[in-house]
Amino acid sequence: MYVILVGSFLFYGSELKLGQTKTIFAPIAMLMLLVFSAALTGALIFGRPILWYLEGKRTEALQLLMYTLAILFCITLVALATVATVVQTNRAGM
């Protein structure tokens, strides 16, 4: 959900020409968004497995991490396939 919100903001923000302002704050805001996104996703993906690992639940921690990464990879493949299909359809329609 977070990725959808940020992606939508970037897409529609470009239509509003938010990134074309002549101020230092636009690149600073984009870098802060990148840092926040990296911290949030890192905490969401690695937080629970690290806690479990430190509690001695090593097998469960590694399984959770592997399952989480596998699901994230599958979602990424579906998103890339969808983008490729849309691009192919747009090229065929031209």
N, C-alpha and C. Protein backbone atom coordinates (compact mmCIF):
# COMPACT_ATOMS: atom_id res chain seq x y z
N MET A 1 0.82 -1.18 0.00
CA MET A 1 0.00 0.00 0.00
C MET A 1 0.88 1.26 0.00
N TYR A 2 1.96 1.20 0.78
CA TYR A 2 2.87 2.35 0.85
C TYR A 2 3.49 2.62 -0.53
N VAL A 3 3.91 1.57 -1.21
CA VAL A 3 4.53 1.74 -2.53
C VAL A 3 3.53 2.34 -3.51
N ILE A 4 2.28 1.90 -3.43
CA ILE A 4 1.25 2.44 -4.31
C ILE A 4 1.04 3.94 -4.04
N LEU A 5 1.01 4.31 -2.77
CA LEU A 5 0.83 5.72 -2.42
C LEU A 5 2.00 6.58 -2.91
N VAL A 6 3.22 6.13 -2.69
CA VAL A 6 4.39 6.90 -3.12
C VAL A 6 4.46 6.95 -4.64
N GLY A 7 4.21 5.82 -5.28
CA GLY A 7 4.21 5.80 -6.75
C GLY A 7 3.16 6.74 -7.33
N SER A 8 1.98 6.73 -6.74
CA SER A 8 0.92 7.63 -7.21
C SER A 8 1.30 9.09 -7.00
N PHE A 9 1.90 9.38 -5.83
CA PHE A 9 2.35 10.74 -5.57
C PHE A 9 3.38 11.19 -6.60
N LEU A 10 4.34 10.34 -6.91
CA LEU A 10 5.37 10.70 -7.88
C LEU A 10 4.79 10.87 -9.28
N PHE A 11 3.86 9.97 -9.65
CA PHE A 11 3.26 10.04 -10.98
C PHE A 11 2.44 11.31 -11.14
N TYR A 12 1.52 11.53 -10.20
CA TYR A 12 0.65 12.69 -10.31
C TYR A 12 1.38 13.98 -9.96
N GLY A 13 2.40 13.89 -9.14
CA GLY A 13 3.22 15.06 -8.83
C GLY A 13 3.96 15.55 -10.06
N SER A 14 4.38 14.63 -10.92
CA SER A 14 5.06 15.03 -12.15
C SER A 14 4.08 15.73 -13.09
N GLU A 15 2.82 15.33 -13.06
CA GLU A 15 1.82 16.02 -13.89
C GLU A 15 1.57 17.45 -13.40
N LEU A 16 1.73 17.65 -12.09
CA LEU A 16 1.56 18.99 -11.52
C LEU A 16 2.84 19.81 -11.58
N LYS A 17 3.89 19.20 -12.14
CA LYS A 17 5.19 19.85 -12.30
C LYS A 17 5.82 20.21 -10.95
N LEU A 18 5.62 19.33 -9.96
CA LEU A 18 6.21 19.58 -8.65
C LEU A 18 7.73 19.47 -8.69
N GLY A 19 8.27 18.62 -9.54
CA GLY A 19 9.71 18.43 -9.60
C GLY A 19 10.44 19.47 -10.43
N GLN A 20 9.71 20.38 -11.05
CA GLN A 20 10.34 21.37 -11.94
C GLN A 20 10.46 22.75 -11.28
N THR A 21 10.32 22.80 -9.99
CA THR A 21 10.46 24.07 -9.31
C THR A 21 11.93 24.44 -9.20
N LYS A 22 12.19 25.72 -9.14
CA LYS A 22 13.56 26.23 -9.05
C LYS A 22 13.93 26.47 -7.58
N THR A 23 13.91 25.40 -6.80
CA THR A 23 14.25 25.51 -5.39
C THR A 23 15.04 24.28 -4.96
N ILE A 24 15.83 24.43 -3.95
CA ILE A 24 16.63 23.34 -3.43
C ILE A 24 15.78 22.33 -2.66
N PHE A 25 14.57 22.72 -2.28
CA PHE A 25 13.75 21.88 -1.44
C PHE A 25 13.17 20.67 -2.16
N ALA A 26 12.97 20.75 -3.48
CA ALA A 26 12.42 19.61 -4.22
C ALA A 26 13.37 18.41 -4.18
N PRO A 27 14.67 18.56 -4.51
CA PRO A 27 15.56 17.40 -4.41
C PRO A 27 15.75 16.92 -2.97
N ILE A 28 15.75 17.86 -2.03
CA ILE A 28 15.87 17.47 -0.62
C ILE A 28 14.67 16.63 -0.21
N ALA A 29 13.48 17.04 -0.61
CA ALA A 29 12.26 16.29 -0.28
C ALA A 29 12.29 14.90 -0.92
N MET A 30 12.76 14.79 -2.15
CA MET A 30 12.83 13.48 -2.83
C MET A 30 13.85 12.57 -2.13
N LEU A 31 14.99 13.12 -1.74
CA LEU A 31 15.97 12.31 -1.02
C LEU A 31 15.46 11.89 0.35
N MET A 32 14.74 12.77 1.02
CA MET A 32 14.16 12.41 2.32
C MET A 32 13.11 11.31 2.15
N LEU A 33 12.33 11.39 1.07
CA LEU A 33 11.35 10.34 0.79
C LEU A 33 12.06 9.02 0.54
N LEU A 34 13.18 9.05 -0.18
CA LEU A 34 13.95 7.83 -0.43
C LEU A 34 14.49 7.24 0.88
N VAL A 35 15.06 8.09 1.72
CA VAL A 35 15.61 7.62 3.00
C VAL A 35 14.50 7.05 3.88
N PHE A 36 13.38 7.75 3.96
CA PHE A 36 12.26 7.26 4.76
C PHE A 36 11.75 5.92 4.22
N SER A 37 11.63 5.82 2.91
CA SER A 37 11.15 4.57 2.30
C SER A 37 12.09 3.41 2.60
N ALA A 38 13.39 3.66 2.49
CA ALA A 38 14.36 2.60 2.78
C ALA A 38 14.28 2.17 4.24
N ALA A 39 14.14 3.14 5.14
CA ALA A 39 14.05 2.82 6.57
C ALA A 39 12.76 2.06 6.88
N LEU A 40 11.66 2.49 6.31
CA LEU A 40 10.37 1.84 6.57
C LEU A 40 10.35 0.41 6.04
N THR A 41 10.76 0.24 4.80
CA THR A 41 10.74 -1.11 4.24
C THR A 41 11.76 -2.01 4.93
N GLY A 42 12.90 -1.46 5.30
CA GLY A 42 13.88 -2.26 6.05
C GLY A 42 13.32 -2.73 7.38
N ALA A 43 12.64 -1.83 8.08
CA ALA A 43 12.03 -2.21 9.36
C ALA A 43 10.93 -3.24 9.17
N LEU A 44 10.11 -3.07 8.13
CA LEU A 44 9.01 -4.00 7.90
C LEU A 44 9.51 -5.38 7.49
N ILE A 45 10.55 -5.43 6.68
CA ILE A 45 11.03 -6.72 6.18
C ILE A 45 11.95 -7.42 7.18
N PHE A 46 12.83 -6.65 7.83
CA PHE A 46 13.83 -7.28 8.68
C PHE A 46 13.55 -7.20 10.18
N GLY A 47 12.59 -6.38 10.59
CA GLY A 47 12.34 -6.17 12.01
C GLY A 47 12.01 -7.44 12.78
N ARG A 48 10.94 -8.11 12.40
CA ARG A 48 10.50 -9.32 13.12
C ARG A 48 11.53 -10.45 13.01
N PRO A 49 12.09 -10.72 11.82
CA PRO A 49 13.10 -11.78 11.76
C PRO A 49 14.32 -11.52 12.66
N ILE A 50 14.75 -10.27 12.76
CA ILE A 50 15.89 -9.97 13.64
C ILE A 50 15.53 -10.23 15.10
N LEU A 51 14.33 -9.79 15.50
CA LEU A 51 13.89 -10.03 16.88
C LEU A 51 13.82 -11.53 17.17
N TRP A 52 13.23 -12.29 16.26
CA TRP A 52 13.14 -13.74 16.45
C TRP A 52 14.53 -14.38 16.50
N TYR A 53 15.42 -13.92 15.62
CA TYR A 53 16.77 -14.47 15.58
C TYR A 53 17.49 -14.22 16.91
N LEU A 54 17.35 -13.02 17.44
CA LEU A 54 17.99 -12.69 18.72
C LEU A 54 17.37 -13.44 19.89
N GLU A 55 16.10 -13.84 19.76
CA GLU A 55 15.43 -14.62 20.80
C GLU A 55 15.75 -16.11 20.70
N GLY A 56 16.54 -16.49 19.71
CA GLY A 56 16.92 -17.89 19.56
C GLY A 56 16.05 -18.66 18.59
N LYS A 57 15.07 -18.02 18.00
CA LYS A 57 14.19 -18.68 17.02
C LYS A 57 14.80 -18.52 15.62
N ARG A 58 15.97 -19.09 15.44
CA ARG A 58 16.72 -18.86 14.20
C ARG A 58 16.02 -19.44 12.97
N THR A 59 15.51 -20.65 13.08
CA THR A 59 14.85 -21.29 11.94
C THR A 59 13.62 -20.50 11.52
N GLU A 60 12.78 -20.12 12.49
CA GLU A 60 11.57 -19.35 12.19
C GLU A 60 11.92 -17.99 11.59
N ALA A 61 12.97 -17.37 12.11
CA ALA A 61 13.38 -16.05 11.61
C ALA A 61 13.82 -16.14 10.16
N LEU A 62 14.63 -17.12 9.84
CA LEU A 62 15.10 -17.27 8.46
C LEU A 62 13.96 -17.65 7.52
N GLN A 63 13.04 -18.49 8.00
CA GLN A 63 11.89 -18.86 7.17
C GLN A 63 11.03 -17.64 6.88
N LEU A 64 10.74 -16.84 7.91
CA LEU A 64 9.93 -15.64 7.71
C LEU A 64 10.60 -14.69 6.73
N LEU A 65 11.89 -14.50 6.87
CA LEU A 65 12.62 -13.62 5.96
C LEU A 65 12.56 -14.14 4.53
N MET A 66 12.78 -15.44 4.35
CA MET A 66 12.75 -16.02 3.00
C MET A 66 11.35 -15.94 2.39
N TYR A 67 10.32 -16.23 3.18
CA TYR A 67 8.95 -16.15 2.67
C TYR A 67 8.59 -14.70 2.31
N THR A 68 8.99 -13.76 3.14
CA THR A 68 8.71 -12.36 2.88
C THR A 68 9.39 -11.90 1.60
N LEU A 69 10.66 -12.26 1.44
CA LEU A 69 11.38 -11.86 0.22
C LEU A 69 10.82 -12.55 -1.01
N ALA A 70 10.40 -13.82 -0.88
CA ALA A 70 9.82 -14.54 -2.01
C ALA A 70 8.51 -13.90 -2.44
N ILE A 71 7.67 -13.54 -1.48
CA ILE A 71 6.40 -12.89 -1.82
C ILE A 71 6.64 -11.52 -2.45
N LEU A 72 7.58 -10.76 -1.89
CA LEU A 72 7.92 -9.46 -2.46
C LEU A 72 8.44 -9.61 -3.89
N PHE A 73 9.25 -10.63 -4.13
CA PHE A 73 9.77 -10.89 -5.47
C PHE A 73 8.63 -11.22 -6.43
N CYS A 74 7.68 -12.05 -6.00
CA CYS A 74 6.54 -12.41 -6.85
C CYS A 74 5.69 -11.18 -7.18
N ILE A 75 5.45 -10.34 -6.19
CA ILE A 75 4.69 -9.12 -6.43
C ILE A 75 5.43 -8.22 -7.42
N THR A 76 6.75 -8.15 -7.30
CA THR A 76 7.56 -7.35 -8.22
C THR A 76 7.46 -7.90 -9.63
N LEU A 77 7.52 -9.23 -9.78
CA LEU A 77 7.38 -9.84 -11.11
C LEU A 77 6.03 -9.53 -11.73
N VAL A 78 4.97 -9.60 -10.93
CA VAL A 78 3.63 -9.29 -11.44
C VAL A 78 3.56 -7.83 -11.87
N ALA A 79 4.13 -6.93 -11.08
CA ALA A 79 4.13 -5.51 -11.43
C ALA A 79 4.91 -5.26 -12.72
N LEU A 80 6.07 -5.89 -12.85
CA LEU A 80 6.87 -5.73 -14.07
C LEU A 80 6.16 -6.31 -15.29
N ALA A 81 5.51 -7.45 -15.13
CA ALA A 81 4.76 -8.05 -16.23
C ALA A 81 3.60 -7.15 -16.64
N THR A 82 2.95 -6.55 -15.66
CA THR A 82 1.84 -5.63 -15.96
C THR A 82 2.33 -4.41 -16.73
N VAL A 83 3.44 -3.85 -16.29
CA VAL A 83 4.02 -2.69 -16.98
C VAL A 83 4.42 -3.07 -18.40
N ALA A 84 5.04 -4.22 -18.57
CA ALA A 84 5.45 -4.66 -19.90
C ALA A 84 4.24 -4.85 -20.81
N THR A 85 3.16 -5.40 -20.27
CA THR A 85 1.94 -5.60 -21.05
C THR A 85 1.34 -4.26 -21.47
N VAL A 86 1.30 -3.30 -20.55
CA VAL A 86 0.75 -1.99 -20.87
C VAL A 86 1.60 -1.30 -21.93
N VAL A 87 2.91 -1.38 -21.80
CA VAL A 87 3.80 -0.76 -22.79
C VAL A 87 3.61 -1.42 -24.15
N GLN A 88 3.51 -2.74 -24.17
CA GLN A 88 3.32 -3.48 -25.43
C GLN A 88 2.00 -3.07 -26.07
N THR A 89 0.95 -2.96 -25.26
CA THR A 89 -0.37 -2.58 -25.78
C THR A 89 -0.35 -1.16 -26.33
N ASN A 90 0.35 -0.27 -25.63
CA ASN A 90 0.43 1.12 -26.10
C ASN A 90 1.22 1.21 -27.40
N ARG A 91 2.24 0.41 -27.55
CA ARG A 91 3.01 0.42 -28.81
C ARG A 91 2.20 -0.14 -29.96
N ALA A 92 1.41 -1.17 -29.71
CA ALA A 92 0.60 -1.79 -30.74
C ALA A 92 -0.52 -0.85 -31.17
N GLY A 93 -0.99 -0.01 -30.25
CA GLY A 93 -2.07 0.92 -30.55
C GLY A 93 -1.62 2.14 -31.33
N MET A 94 -0.33 2.39 -31.38
CA MET A 94 0.18 3.58 -32.08
C MET A 94 0.13 3.37 -33.52
